[in-house]
Amino acid sequence: NDMPFLGFNPKDSTTAASNTIADTTTIGDGTAEDVQIRFDGNTVDYHLGLDDSADKLTIGKGTALGTTTSLAFDADGIISKPLLPFVHAYNSANDDNVAHNTTHKIEMDADFFDQNADFNNTNDVFTAPVTGKYWISGHVGLDAIDEDCNFWQVRVVTSNGNFWWADDPKSYNTPVDMKDCFVHIGVCADMDSGDTVHVEYFQNAGSNVNSIFGSNSTALAGQFSYMTVYLVA
């Protein structure tokens, strides 16, 4: 038995004409079964249907419900997007005594989740899979910044431009080596398909006494240097 669906069915006609849809059309007979509308494309098919076992209205790729779901609405109106580009990556270990006058890409060698496999833990870079607006959040934990440095920066670096935060220890009345500094940058950036983003640190002058904090555990509470990126629109 075929699953009920709305649209042209070659078993019902030899004219290849699309069915006429009434102003109000009911698909299914109220029994426990999955029902769907199928869109038969040239190279890719899509479906809009009711996953009756999960009580969810889903939109996805392919002709079978639940195969590649892009959007799902549950009975409470909660919408999930299981394939939305969304990553949380973090630095798993301290980088000690980092060199000054050198740009350091913050190592993000582990991740809690990467929904669309857009983050590379080897080169610490997120690559946009589609053109859109992305929320980018970078957080860096730093220790023992030398009071003699001219300035230091944390940067969110995208293909289209940089977003940075900077400080000058010499600007304080009583400069001392800065301990346990945590910098957070959040920005919504325009990214084209294939554009990249990473987080980096730079210290001008001074000595090599600073460390970039890593995670002291795999729990969220132990995250000191990390980044999150997700597609907004």
N, C-alpha and C. Protein backbone atom coordinates (compact mmCIF):
# COMPACT_ATOMS: atom_id res chain seq x y z
N ASN A 1 0.84 -1.19 0.00
CA ASN A 1 0.00 0.00 0.00
C ASN A 1 0.88 1.25 0.00
N ASP A 2 0.54 2.21 -0.87
CA ASP A 2 1.30 3.44 -0.95
C ASP A 2 0.84 4.39 0.15
N MET A 3 1.81 5.18 0.67
CA MET A 3 1.49 6.22 1.63
C MET A 3 0.65 7.29 0.93
N PRO A 4 -0.43 7.81 1.57
CA PRO A 4 -1.22 8.87 0.93
C PRO A 4 -0.36 10.08 0.65
N PHE A 5 -0.51 10.67 -0.55
CA PHE A 5 0.19 11.89 -0.87
C PHE A 5 -0.64 12.69 -1.83
N LEU A 6 -0.31 13.99 -1.92
CA LEU A 6 -1.05 14.91 -2.76
C LEU A 6 -0.19 15.28 -3.96
N GLY A 7 -0.75 15.19 -5.18
CA GLY A 7 0.01 15.53 -6.37
C GLY A 7 -0.29 14.55 -7.47
N PHE A 8 0.46 14.62 -8.55
CA PHE A 8 0.26 13.73 -9.68
C PHE A 8 0.71 12.31 -9.36
N ASN A 9 -0.12 11.36 -9.61
CA ASN A 9 0.21 9.96 -9.41
C ASN A 9 0.08 9.27 -10.76
N PRO A 10 1.16 8.77 -11.32
CA PRO A 10 1.10 8.15 -12.65
C PRO A 10 0.17 6.94 -12.71
N LYS A 11 -0.17 6.34 -11.54
CA LYS A 11 -1.07 5.19 -11.54
C LYS A 11 -2.52 5.61 -11.83
N ASP A 12 -2.82 6.90 -11.60
CA ASP A 12 -4.20 7.36 -11.72
C ASP A 12 -4.52 7.99 -13.06
N SER A 13 -3.52 8.30 -13.88
CA SER A 13 -3.78 9.02 -15.11
C SER A 13 -2.71 8.73 -16.15
N THR A 14 -3.09 8.83 -17.39
CA THR A 14 -2.13 8.68 -18.48
C THR A 14 -1.87 10.01 -19.16
N THR A 15 -2.47 11.08 -18.62
CA THR A 15 -2.32 12.40 -19.25
C THR A 15 -1.17 13.19 -18.66
N ALA A 16 -0.60 12.73 -17.54
CA ALA A 16 0.48 13.42 -16.84
C ALA A 16 0.07 14.81 -16.40
N ALA A 17 -1.23 15.03 -16.20
CA ALA A 17 -1.72 16.33 -15.74
C ALA A 17 -1.75 16.36 -14.21
N SER A 18 -1.41 17.51 -13.63
CA SER A 18 -1.45 17.65 -12.18
C SER A 18 -2.88 17.64 -11.69
N ASN A 19 -3.10 17.11 -10.48
CA ASN A 19 -4.41 17.12 -9.87
C ASN A 19 -4.79 18.54 -9.46
N THR A 20 -6.09 18.85 -9.48
CA THR A 20 -6.57 20.13 -8.99
C THR A 20 -6.80 20.04 -7.49
N ILE A 21 -6.26 21.00 -6.76
CA ILE A 21 -6.39 21.00 -5.31
C ILE A 21 -7.56 21.89 -4.92
N ALA A 22 -8.46 21.36 -4.12
CA ALA A 22 -9.62 22.13 -3.67
C ALA A 22 -9.19 23.19 -2.66
N ASP A 23 -10.07 24.16 -2.42
CA ASP A 23 -9.76 25.21 -1.45
C ASP A 23 -9.42 24.62 -0.09
N THR A 24 -10.14 23.60 0.30
CA THR A 24 -9.83 22.87 1.53
C THR A 24 -9.63 21.41 1.17
N THR A 25 -8.44 20.90 1.43
CA THR A 25 -8.12 19.52 1.07
C THR A 25 -7.60 18.79 2.29
N THR A 26 -8.19 17.66 2.59
CA THR A 26 -7.74 16.84 3.71
C THR A 26 -6.92 15.67 3.17
N ILE A 27 -5.72 15.51 3.71
CA ILE A 27 -4.86 14.39 3.33
C ILE A 27 -4.85 13.40 4.49
N GLY A 28 -5.18 12.16 4.25
CA GLY A 28 -5.26 11.16 5.30
C GLY A 28 -6.67 10.99 5.80
N ASP A 29 -6.88 9.89 6.52
CA ASP A 29 -8.24 9.60 6.98
C ASP A 29 -8.36 9.61 8.50
N GLY A 30 -7.37 10.17 9.18
CA GLY A 30 -7.46 10.28 10.64
C GLY A 30 -6.89 9.09 11.38
N THR A 31 -6.50 8.04 10.66
CA THR A 31 -5.88 6.90 11.32
C THR A 31 -4.39 7.16 11.53
N ALA A 32 -3.75 6.28 12.28
CA ALA A 32 -2.33 6.45 12.59
C ALA A 32 -1.50 6.08 11.37
N GLU A 33 -1.16 7.06 10.58
CA GLU A 33 -0.31 6.83 9.42
C GLU A 33 0.40 8.13 9.05
N ASP A 34 1.55 8.01 8.39
CA ASP A 34 2.27 9.17 7.90
C ASP A 34 1.65 9.61 6.57
N VAL A 35 1.48 10.92 6.41
CA VAL A 35 0.96 11.46 5.16
C VAL A 35 1.88 12.59 4.71
N GLN A 36 1.95 12.82 3.40
CA GLN A 36 2.87 13.84 2.92
C GLN A 36 2.51 14.35 1.54
N ILE A 37 3.05 15.54 1.25
CA ILE A 37 3.06 16.09 -0.10
C ILE A 37 4.48 15.91 -0.63
N ARG A 38 4.61 15.35 -1.80
CA ARG A 38 5.93 15.14 -2.40
C ARG A 38 6.15 16.11 -3.55
N PHE A 39 7.36 16.65 -3.61
CA PHE A 39 7.77 17.51 -4.70
C PHE A 39 8.85 16.78 -5.49
N ASP A 40 8.48 16.35 -6.68
CA ASP A 40 9.36 15.51 -7.49
C ASP A 40 10.21 16.42 -8.39
N GLY A 41 11.46 16.63 -7.99
CA GLY A 41 12.35 17.48 -8.76
C GLY A 41 13.20 16.68 -9.73
N ASN A 42 13.99 17.40 -10.50
CA ASN A 42 14.83 16.74 -11.50
C ASN A 42 15.95 15.96 -10.84
N THR A 43 16.68 16.60 -9.91
CA THR A 43 17.79 15.94 -9.24
C THR A 43 17.56 15.77 -7.74
N VAL A 44 16.67 16.61 -7.15
CA VAL A 44 16.42 16.54 -5.71
C VAL A 44 14.91 16.55 -5.48
N ASP A 45 14.43 15.66 -4.63
CA ASP A 45 13.03 15.63 -4.22
C ASP A 45 12.90 16.20 -2.81
N TYR A 46 11.74 16.79 -2.53
CA TYR A 46 11.45 17.29 -1.19
C TYR A 46 10.07 16.82 -0.76
N HIS A 47 9.83 16.90 0.54
CA HIS A 47 8.52 16.50 1.06
C HIS A 47 8.09 17.43 2.18
N LEU A 48 6.79 17.55 2.33
CA LEU A 48 6.14 18.21 3.45
C LEU A 48 5.14 17.22 3.99
N GLY A 49 5.32 16.82 5.23
CA GLY A 49 4.45 15.76 5.70
C GLY A 49 4.26 15.69 7.19
N LEU A 50 3.35 14.84 7.59
CA LEU A 50 3.07 14.58 9.00
C LEU A 50 3.73 13.28 9.40
N ASP A 51 4.70 13.39 10.30
CA ASP A 51 5.31 12.20 10.91
C ASP A 51 4.40 11.83 12.07
N ASP A 52 3.48 10.91 11.84
CA ASP A 52 2.42 10.64 12.80
C ASP A 52 2.95 9.98 14.07
N SER A 53 4.00 9.18 13.96
CA SER A 53 4.54 8.53 15.16
C SER A 53 5.18 9.54 16.11
N ALA A 54 5.74 10.62 15.54
CA ALA A 54 6.36 11.66 16.37
C ALA A 54 5.45 12.87 16.56
N ASP A 55 4.27 12.86 15.89
CA ASP A 55 3.35 13.99 15.93
C ASP A 55 4.05 15.29 15.53
N LYS A 56 4.80 15.24 14.42
CA LYS A 56 5.52 16.42 13.94
C LYS A 56 5.22 16.66 12.47
N LEU A 57 5.07 17.94 12.13
CA LEU A 57 5.00 18.36 10.74
C LEU A 57 6.43 18.64 10.29
N THR A 58 6.87 17.95 9.25
CA THR A 58 8.27 18.07 8.85
C THR A 58 8.41 18.49 7.39
N ILE A 59 9.49 19.20 7.12
CA ILE A 59 9.90 19.55 5.77
C ILE A 59 11.31 19.01 5.58
N GLY A 60 11.52 18.25 4.51
CA GLY A 60 12.84 17.66 4.33
C GLY A 60 13.12 17.25 2.91
N LYS A 61 14.31 16.73 2.71
CA LYS A 61 14.75 16.29 1.39
C LYS A 61 14.47 14.80 1.21
N GLY A 62 14.10 14.43 -0.01
CA GLY A 62 13.80 13.04 -0.30
C GLY A 62 12.32 12.76 -0.25
N THR A 63 11.96 11.52 -0.52
CA THR A 63 10.55 11.14 -0.56
C THR A 63 10.07 10.45 0.71
N ALA A 64 10.98 10.16 1.63
CA ALA A 64 10.60 9.47 2.86
C ALA A 64 10.69 10.41 4.05
N LEU A 65 9.65 10.43 4.88
CA LEU A 65 9.66 11.25 6.08
C LEU A 65 10.80 10.84 7.01
N GLY A 66 11.47 11.84 7.58
CA GLY A 66 12.51 11.57 8.56
C GLY A 66 13.87 11.25 7.98
N THR A 67 14.01 11.24 6.66
CA THR A 67 15.31 10.90 6.08
C THR A 67 16.30 12.06 6.23
N THR A 68 15.93 13.24 5.78
CA THR A 68 16.78 14.43 5.89
C THR A 68 15.88 15.60 6.23
N THR A 69 15.54 15.74 7.49
CA THR A 69 14.60 16.76 7.94
C THR A 69 15.30 18.10 8.11
N SER A 70 14.79 19.13 7.42
CA SER A 70 15.34 20.48 7.55
C SER A 70 14.59 21.31 8.58
N LEU A 71 13.29 21.04 8.72
CA LEU A 71 12.44 21.83 9.61
C LEU A 71 11.37 20.92 10.20
N ALA A 72 11.15 21.02 11.51
CA ALA A 72 10.14 20.19 12.16
C ALA A 72 9.36 21.02 13.17
N PHE A 73 8.02 20.88 13.14
CA PHE A 73 7.13 21.56 14.07
C PHE A 73 6.48 20.50 14.95
N ASP A 74 6.61 20.64 16.28
CA ASP A 74 5.96 19.65 17.13
C ASP A 74 4.58 20.15 17.56
N ALA A 75 3.88 19.34 18.35
CA ALA A 75 2.49 19.65 18.72
C ALA A 75 2.39 20.89 19.60
N ASP A 76 3.49 21.31 20.24
CA ASP A 76 3.49 22.51 21.07
C ASP A 76 3.93 23.75 20.30
N GLY A 77 4.15 23.60 18.98
CA GLY A 77 4.57 24.74 18.18
C GLY A 77 6.05 25.02 18.23
N ILE A 78 6.83 24.12 18.82
CA ILE A 78 8.28 24.30 18.90
C ILE A 78 8.90 23.88 17.57
N ILE A 79 9.74 24.76 17.01
CA ILE A 79 10.34 24.52 15.71
C ILE A 79 11.81 24.14 15.89
N SER A 80 12.21 23.04 15.28
CA SER A 80 13.61 22.64 15.31
C SER A 80 14.18 22.62 13.91
N LYS A 81 15.49 22.93 13.83
CA LYS A 81 16.20 22.98 12.55
C LYS A 81 17.46 22.12 12.68
N PRO A 82 17.32 20.82 12.57
CA PRO A 82 18.43 19.91 12.87
C PRO A 82 19.63 20.01 11.94
N LEU A 83 19.48 20.64 10.78
CA LEU A 83 20.60 20.77 9.85
C LEU A 83 21.14 22.20 9.79
N LEU A 84 20.62 23.10 10.62
CA LEU A 84 21.09 24.48 10.61
C LEU A 84 22.57 24.54 10.96
N PRO A 85 23.39 25.26 10.18
CA PRO A 85 24.80 25.41 10.55
C PRO A 85 24.94 26.01 11.95
N PHE A 86 25.53 25.23 12.86
CA PHE A 86 25.63 25.65 14.26
C PHE A 86 26.78 24.85 14.89
N VAL A 87 27.77 25.55 15.39
CA VAL A 87 28.93 24.88 15.96
C VAL A 87 29.33 25.53 17.27
N HIS A 88 29.77 24.72 18.21
CA HIS A 88 30.44 25.19 19.43
C HIS A 88 31.75 24.43 19.53
N ALA A 89 32.85 25.16 19.31
CA ALA A 89 34.19 24.55 19.35
C ALA A 89 34.99 25.20 20.47
N TYR A 90 35.98 24.48 21.00
CA TYR A 90 36.74 25.03 22.11
C TYR A 90 38.18 24.53 22.10
N ASN A 91 39.01 25.24 22.87
CA ASN A 91 40.41 24.89 23.05
C ASN A 91 40.51 23.93 24.24
N SER A 92 41.05 22.75 24.01
CA SER A 92 41.02 21.72 25.05
C SER A 92 42.20 21.77 26.01
N ALA A 93 43.26 22.54 25.70
CA ALA A 93 44.43 22.58 26.56
C ALA A 93 45.08 23.95 26.50
N ASN A 94 45.76 24.35 27.59
CA ASN A 94 46.42 25.64 27.63
C ASN A 94 47.52 25.75 26.57
N ASP A 95 47.66 26.96 26.02
CA ASP A 95 48.82 27.30 25.18
C ASP A 95 49.67 28.25 26.00
N ASP A 96 50.79 27.74 26.53
CA ASP A 96 51.58 28.49 27.49
C ASP A 96 52.68 29.31 26.82
N ASN A 97 53.01 30.46 27.46
CA ASN A 97 54.13 31.31 27.05
C ASN A 97 54.10 31.62 25.56
N VAL A 98 52.97 32.17 25.10
CA VAL A 98 52.84 32.46 23.68
C VAL A 98 53.72 33.65 23.31
N ALA A 99 54.30 33.61 22.13
CA ALA A 99 55.25 34.62 21.70
C ALA A 99 54.56 35.95 21.41
N HIS A 100 55.20 37.05 21.78
CA HIS A 100 54.68 38.38 21.46
C HIS A 100 55.06 38.74 20.02
N ASN A 101 54.41 39.80 19.52
CA ASN A 101 54.62 40.25 18.14
C ASN A 101 54.31 39.16 17.12
N THR A 102 53.47 38.23 17.51
CA THR A 102 53.08 37.12 16.64
C THR A 102 51.58 36.91 16.74
N THR A 103 50.92 36.79 15.61
CA THR A 103 49.49 36.52 15.61
C THR A 103 49.24 35.04 15.88
N HIS A 104 48.42 34.76 16.88
CA HIS A 104 48.14 33.37 17.27
C HIS A 104 46.67 33.06 16.97
N LYS A 105 46.44 32.15 16.06
CA LYS A 105 45.08 31.65 15.86
C LYS A 105 44.73 30.77 17.06
N ILE A 106 43.61 31.07 17.72
CA ILE A 106 43.23 30.31 18.91
C ILE A 106 42.89 28.88 18.49
N GLU A 107 43.55 27.94 19.11
CA GLU A 107 43.30 26.54 18.78
C GLU A 107 41.91 26.13 19.26
N MET A 108 41.13 25.56 18.35
CA MET A 108 39.80 25.03 18.67
C MET A 108 39.79 23.58 18.20
N ASP A 109 40.41 22.72 18.99
CA ASP A 109 40.67 21.36 18.54
C ASP A 109 39.57 20.38 18.91
N ALA A 110 38.52 20.86 19.57
CA ALA A 110 37.42 19.97 19.96
C ALA A 110 36.12 20.73 19.83
N ASP A 111 35.01 20.00 19.77
CA ASP A 111 33.72 20.67 19.72
C ASP A 111 32.67 19.86 20.45
N PHE A 112 31.67 20.58 21.00
CA PHE A 112 30.53 19.93 21.63
C PHE A 112 29.53 19.49 20.57
N PHE A 113 29.36 20.32 19.55
CA PHE A 113 28.47 19.95 18.46
C PHE A 113 28.87 20.72 17.21
N ASP A 114 28.57 20.13 16.08
CA ASP A 114 28.81 20.74 14.77
C ASP A 114 27.74 20.17 13.85
N GLN A 115 26.56 20.84 13.82
CA GLN A 115 25.38 20.25 13.20
C GLN A 115 25.52 19.99 11.70
N ASN A 116 26.30 20.80 11.02
CA ASN A 116 26.38 20.64 9.57
C ASN A 116 27.80 20.34 9.11
N ALA A 117 28.69 19.97 10.05
CA ALA A 117 30.09 19.64 9.74
C ALA A 117 30.78 20.78 9.00
N ASP A 118 30.64 22.01 9.54
CA ASP A 118 31.23 23.19 8.90
C ASP A 118 32.51 23.65 9.58
N PHE A 119 32.87 23.03 10.71
CA PHE A 119 34.06 23.47 11.46
C PHE A 119 35.18 22.46 11.30
N ASN A 120 36.40 22.97 11.08
CA ASN A 120 37.58 22.12 10.92
C ASN A 120 38.42 22.22 12.19
N ASN A 121 38.47 21.15 12.97
CA ASN A 121 39.23 21.15 14.22
C ASN A 121 40.73 21.10 14.00
N THR A 122 41.16 20.87 12.76
CA THR A 122 42.59 20.85 12.47
C THR A 122 43.14 22.24 12.23
N ASN A 123 42.42 23.06 11.45
CA ASN A 123 42.90 24.43 11.20
C ASN A 123 42.11 25.48 11.96
N ASP A 124 41.15 25.05 12.81
CA ASP A 124 40.43 25.94 13.72
C ASP A 124 39.58 26.97 12.99
N VAL A 125 38.97 26.57 11.88
CA VAL A 125 38.26 27.50 11.01
C VAL A 125 36.84 27.00 10.75
N PHE A 126 35.88 27.93 10.82
CA PHE A 126 34.50 27.67 10.39
C PHE A 126 34.36 28.18 8.96
N THR A 127 33.76 27.38 8.08
CA THR A 127 33.51 27.77 6.70
C THR A 127 32.01 27.82 6.46
N ALA A 128 31.54 28.97 5.99
CA ALA A 128 30.11 29.15 5.75
C ALA A 128 29.65 28.27 4.59
N PRO A 129 28.63 27.42 4.81
CA PRO A 129 28.16 26.56 3.72
C PRO A 129 27.25 27.29 2.74
N VAL A 130 26.60 28.37 3.20
CA VAL A 130 25.70 29.15 2.34
C VAL A 130 25.89 30.63 2.66
N THR A 131 25.49 31.48 1.73
CA THR A 131 25.55 32.92 1.95
C THR A 131 24.46 33.34 2.93
N GLY A 132 24.81 34.18 3.91
CA GLY A 132 23.81 34.62 4.88
C GLY A 132 24.44 35.46 5.97
N LYS A 133 23.63 35.73 7.00
CA LYS A 133 24.08 36.47 8.17
C LYS A 133 24.35 35.46 9.29
N TYR A 134 25.55 35.50 9.86
CA TYR A 134 25.96 34.54 10.87
C TYR A 134 26.27 35.25 12.19
N TRP A 135 25.75 34.68 13.28
CA TRP A 135 26.14 35.17 14.60
C TRP A 135 27.42 34.45 15.00
N ILE A 136 28.43 35.24 15.34
CA ILE A 136 29.74 34.70 15.71
C ILE A 136 30.08 35.18 17.11
N SER A 137 30.41 34.25 17.96
CA SER A 137 30.75 34.57 19.34
C SER A 137 32.10 33.95 19.67
N GLY A 138 33.07 34.82 20.01
CA GLY A 138 34.39 34.33 20.39
C GLY A 138 34.71 34.70 21.82
N HIS A 139 35.21 33.74 22.58
CA HIS A 139 35.55 33.97 23.99
C HIS A 139 36.95 33.42 24.23
N VAL A 140 37.82 34.26 24.79
CA VAL A 140 39.21 33.86 25.00
C VAL A 140 39.61 34.16 26.43
N GLY A 141 40.19 33.16 27.09
CA GLY A 141 40.73 33.33 28.43
C GLY A 141 42.23 33.50 28.37
N LEU A 142 42.74 34.56 29.04
CA LEU A 142 44.16 34.89 28.99
C LEU A 142 44.71 35.04 30.40
N ASP A 143 46.00 34.73 30.55
CA ASP A 143 46.64 34.80 31.87
C ASP A 143 47.98 35.52 31.75
N ALA A 144 48.29 36.33 32.75
CA ALA A 144 49.62 36.94 32.87
C ALA A 144 50.03 37.75 31.66
N ILE A 145 49.23 38.73 31.28
CA ILE A 145 49.61 39.63 30.20
C ILE A 145 50.65 40.62 30.74
N ASP A 146 51.75 40.73 30.04
CA ASP A 146 52.88 41.52 30.51
C ASP A 146 52.52 43.01 30.56
N GLU A 147 52.81 43.65 31.71
CA GLU A 147 52.53 45.08 31.86
C GLU A 147 53.34 45.93 30.89
N ASP A 148 54.44 45.40 30.35
CA ASP A 148 55.30 46.18 29.45
C ASP A 148 54.87 46.08 27.99
N CYS A 149 53.83 45.32 27.69
CA CYS A 149 53.40 45.28 26.30
C CYS A 149 52.71 46.60 25.94
N ASN A 150 52.79 46.97 24.67
CA ASN A 150 52.15 48.21 24.21
C ASN A 150 50.64 48.07 24.14
N PHE A 151 50.19 46.92 23.66
CA PHE A 151 48.76 46.62 23.62
C PHE A 151 48.60 45.14 23.29
N TRP A 152 47.41 44.63 23.52
CA TRP A 152 47.08 43.27 23.12
C TRP A 152 45.67 43.25 22.56
N GLN A 153 45.41 42.30 21.68
CA GLN A 153 44.14 42.24 20.98
C GLN A 153 43.59 40.82 20.94
N VAL A 154 42.25 40.71 20.97
CA VAL A 154 41.54 39.49 20.61
C VAL A 154 40.70 39.85 19.39
N ARG A 155 40.77 39.03 18.34
CA ARG A 155 40.11 39.35 17.09
C ARG A 155 39.24 38.20 16.62
N VAL A 156 38.07 38.54 16.09
CA VAL A 156 37.27 37.61 15.30
C VAL A 156 37.53 37.97 13.85
N VAL A 157 38.12 37.05 13.11
CA VAL A 157 38.61 37.33 11.76
C VAL A 157 37.74 36.60 10.74
N THR A 158 37.04 37.38 9.90
CA THR A 158 36.24 36.79 8.84
C THR A 158 36.84 37.16 7.49
N SER A 159 36.36 36.51 6.44
CA SER A 159 36.85 36.80 5.10
C SER A 159 36.54 38.23 4.69
N ASN A 160 35.48 38.81 5.26
CA ASN A 160 35.06 40.16 4.87
C ASN A 160 35.55 41.26 5.79
N GLY A 161 36.20 40.90 6.89
CA GLY A 161 36.69 41.92 7.81
C GLY A 161 36.93 41.37 9.20
N ASN A 162 37.57 42.20 10.04
CA ASN A 162 37.94 41.80 11.40
C ASN A 162 37.13 42.57 12.43
N PHE A 163 36.87 41.92 13.56
CA PHE A 163 36.23 42.55 14.70
C PHE A 163 37.15 42.29 15.89
N TRP A 164 37.54 43.36 16.60
CA TRP A 164 38.55 43.14 17.63
C TRP A 164 38.29 43.93 18.90
N TRP A 165 38.93 43.48 19.94
CA TRP A 165 38.93 44.13 21.25
C TRP A 165 40.38 44.29 21.66
N ALA A 166 40.75 45.44 22.21
CA ALA A 166 42.15 45.70 22.56
C ALA A 166 42.26 46.38 23.92
N ASP A 167 43.43 46.23 24.53
CA ASP A 167 43.70 46.88 25.81
C ASP A 167 45.18 47.23 25.88
N ASP A 168 45.48 48.24 26.70
CA ASP A 168 46.86 48.70 26.89
C ASP A 168 47.15 48.73 28.39
N PRO A 169 47.94 47.78 28.90
CA PRO A 169 48.22 47.75 30.35
C PRO A 169 48.89 49.04 30.85
N LYS A 170 49.62 49.73 29.98
CA LYS A 170 50.31 50.94 30.40
C LYS A 170 49.35 52.10 30.66
N SER A 171 48.12 51.95 30.22
CA SER A 171 47.15 53.04 30.41
C SER A 171 46.62 53.11 31.83
N TYR A 172 46.88 52.06 32.64
CA TYR A 172 46.39 52.06 34.02
C TYR A 172 47.34 52.85 34.92
N ASN A 173 46.80 53.38 36.02
CA ASN A 173 47.62 54.20 36.91
C ASN A 173 48.78 53.42 37.51
N THR A 174 48.51 52.19 37.88
CA THR A 174 49.56 51.34 38.45
C THR A 174 49.63 50.05 37.65
N PRO A 175 50.30 50.08 36.47
CA PRO A 175 50.34 48.89 35.62
C PRO A 175 51.03 47.72 36.29
N VAL A 176 50.41 46.57 36.18
CA VAL A 176 50.98 45.31 36.67
C VAL A 176 50.63 44.24 35.66
N ASP A 177 51.30 43.10 35.76
CA ASP A 177 50.93 41.98 34.89
C ASP A 177 49.47 41.63 35.14
N MET A 178 48.71 41.56 34.08
CA MET A 178 47.28 41.30 34.19
C MET A 178 47.02 39.81 34.33
N LYS A 179 46.19 39.44 35.27
CA LYS A 179 45.90 38.04 35.54
C LYS A 179 44.45 37.71 35.19
N ASP A 180 44.25 36.53 34.64
CA ASP A 180 42.91 35.98 34.39
C ASP A 180 41.99 36.98 33.69
N CYS A 181 42.34 37.29 32.44
CA CYS A 181 41.53 38.18 31.63
C CYS A 181 40.64 37.36 30.70
N PHE A 182 39.37 37.69 30.65
CA PHE A 182 38.44 36.97 29.79
C PHE A 182 37.78 37.97 28.85
N VAL A 183 37.93 37.75 27.57
CA VAL A 183 37.43 38.67 26.56
C VAL A 183 36.37 37.95 25.73
N HIS A 184 35.24 38.63 25.53
CA HIS A 184 34.16 38.07 24.73
C HIS A 184 33.79 39.03 23.62
N ILE A 185 33.70 38.53 22.40
CA ILE A 185 33.27 39.33 21.25
C ILE A 185 32.10 38.62 20.59
N GLY A 186 31.01 39.35 20.39
CA GLY A 186 29.85 38.81 19.68
C GLY A 186 29.48 39.73 18.54
N VAL A 187 29.29 39.19 17.36
CA VAL A 187 29.00 40.01 16.20
C VAL A 187 28.15 39.23 15.21
N CYS A 188 27.26 39.93 14.50
CA CYS A 188 26.52 39.33 13.40
C CYS A 188 27.20 39.78 12.12
N ALA A 189 27.75 38.84 11.37
CA ALA A 189 28.57 39.16 10.20
C ALA A 189 27.96 38.59 8.93
N ASP A 190 28.11 39.33 7.86
CA ASP A 190 27.68 38.87 6.54
C ASP A 190 28.76 37.97 5.97
N MET A 191 28.39 36.75 5.60
CA MET A 191 29.36 35.80 5.05
C MET A 191 28.80 35.18 3.78
N ASP A 192 29.64 35.09 2.78
CA ASP A 192 29.28 34.41 1.55
C ASP A 192 29.61 32.92 1.68
N SER A 193 29.00 32.12 0.82
CA SER A 193 29.32 30.70 0.81
C SER A 193 30.82 30.51 0.58
N GLY A 194 31.47 29.78 1.45
CA GLY A 194 32.91 29.56 1.34
C GLY A 194 33.75 30.51 2.17
N ASP A 195 33.15 31.59 2.71
CA ASP A 195 33.88 32.49 3.60
C ASP A 195 34.22 31.77 4.90
N THR A 196 35.26 32.24 5.58
CA THR A 196 35.73 31.58 6.79
C THR A 196 35.78 32.56 7.96
N VAL A 197 35.85 31.99 9.17
CA VAL A 197 36.02 32.79 10.37
C VAL A 197 36.83 31.99 11.39
N HIS A 198 37.70 32.71 12.11
CA HIS A 198 38.44 32.12 13.21
C HIS A 198 38.70 33.20 14.26
N VAL A 199 39.25 32.81 15.40
CA VAL A 199 39.55 33.74 16.49
C VAL A 199 41.06 33.75 16.71
N GLU A 200 41.63 34.95 16.95
CA GLU A 200 43.08 35.02 17.15
C GLU A 200 43.45 36.03 18.24
N TYR A 201 44.70 35.93 18.68
CA TYR A 201 45.24 36.79 19.74
C TYR A 201 46.57 37.37 19.28
N PHE A 202 46.82 38.64 19.69
CA PHE A 202 48.07 39.30 19.33
C PHE A 202 48.52 40.20 20.48
N GLN A 203 49.83 40.15 20.79
CA GLN A 203 50.41 41.02 21.82
C GLN A 203 51.58 41.77 21.20
N ASN A 204 51.55 43.11 21.34
CA ASN A 204 52.62 43.95 20.81
C ASN A 204 53.62 44.27 21.91
N ALA A 205 54.89 43.86 21.69
CA ALA A 205 55.99 44.10 22.63
C ALA A 205 55.78 43.32 23.92
N GLY A 206 56.60 43.63 24.94
CA GLY A 206 56.53 42.89 26.18
C GLY A 206 57.32 41.59 26.10
N SER A 207 57.02 40.68 27.00
CA SER A 207 57.71 39.39 27.05
C SER A 207 56.72 38.25 26.92
N ASN A 208 57.24 37.04 26.79
CA ASN A 208 56.40 35.86 26.52
C ASN A 208 55.96 35.19 27.82
N VAL A 209 55.13 35.88 28.58
CA VAL A 209 54.67 35.31 29.86
C VAL A 209 53.20 34.92 29.81
N ASN A 210 52.52 35.26 28.74
CA ASN A 210 51.08 35.04 28.67
C ASN A 210 50.74 33.61 28.27
N SER A 211 49.59 33.16 28.74
CA SER A 211 49.05 31.86 28.34
C SER A 211 47.62 32.04 27.86
N ILE A 212 47.23 31.24 26.88
CA ILE A 212 45.85 31.19 26.41
C ILE A 212 45.21 29.98 27.06
N PHE A 213 44.17 30.23 27.84
CA PHE A 213 43.55 29.15 28.60
C PHE A 213 42.85 28.15 27.68
N GLY A 214 42.94 26.90 28.07
CA GLY A 214 42.14 25.85 27.45
C GLY A 214 41.08 25.40 28.42
N SER A 215 40.44 24.28 28.12
CA SER A 215 39.39 23.75 28.96
C SER A 215 39.99 22.94 30.10
N ASN A 216 39.42 23.08 31.30
CA ASN A 216 39.87 22.24 32.40
C ASN A 216 38.98 21.02 32.57
N SER A 217 37.98 20.88 31.68
CA SER A 217 37.12 19.71 31.70
C SER A 217 36.33 19.70 30.40
N THR A 218 35.58 18.64 30.18
CA THR A 218 34.73 18.57 29.00
C THR A 218 33.37 19.19 29.26
N ALA A 219 33.13 19.68 30.46
CA ALA A 219 31.84 20.29 30.79
C ALA A 219 31.81 21.74 30.33
N LEU A 220 30.61 22.24 30.05
CA LEU A 220 30.49 23.63 29.64
C LEU A 220 31.04 24.58 30.69
N ALA A 221 30.91 24.23 31.97
CA ALA A 221 31.38 25.11 33.04
C ALA A 221 32.89 25.27 33.01
N GLY A 222 33.59 24.39 32.30
CA GLY A 222 35.05 24.44 32.26
C GLY A 222 35.59 25.10 31.01
N GLN A 223 34.74 25.78 30.24
CA GLN A 223 35.19 26.38 28.99
C GLN A 223 35.78 27.77 29.22
N PHE A 224 37.01 27.99 28.75
CA PHE A 224 37.66 29.28 28.88
C PHE A 224 37.91 29.95 27.54
N SER A 225 38.24 29.18 26.53
CA SER A 225 38.46 29.72 25.18
C SER A 225 37.62 28.90 24.21
N TYR A 226 36.66 29.57 23.56
CA TYR A 226 35.74 28.83 22.69
C TYR A 226 35.12 29.79 21.68
N MET A 227 34.40 29.22 20.71
CA MET A 227 33.64 30.03 19.76
C MET A 227 32.38 29.30 19.36
N THR A 228 31.33 30.07 19.11
CA THR A 228 30.09 29.52 18.57
C THR A 228 29.74 30.31 17.30
N VAL A 229 29.21 29.61 16.34
CA VAL A 229 28.79 30.23 15.08
C VAL A 229 27.49 29.57 14.65
N TYR A 230 26.51 30.39 14.27
CA TYR A 230 25.29 29.80 13.69
C TYR A 230 24.66 30.77 12.69
N LEU A 231 23.94 30.18 11.76
CA LEU A 231 23.28 30.94 10.70
C LEU A 231 22.01 31.59 11.26
N VAL A 232 21.89 32.90 11.10
CA VAL A 232 20.72 33.64 11.58
C VAL A 232 19.70 33.81 10.47
N ALA A 233 20.15 34.26 9.30
CA ALA A 233 19.23 34.52 8.20
C ALA A 233 19.96 34.44 6.87
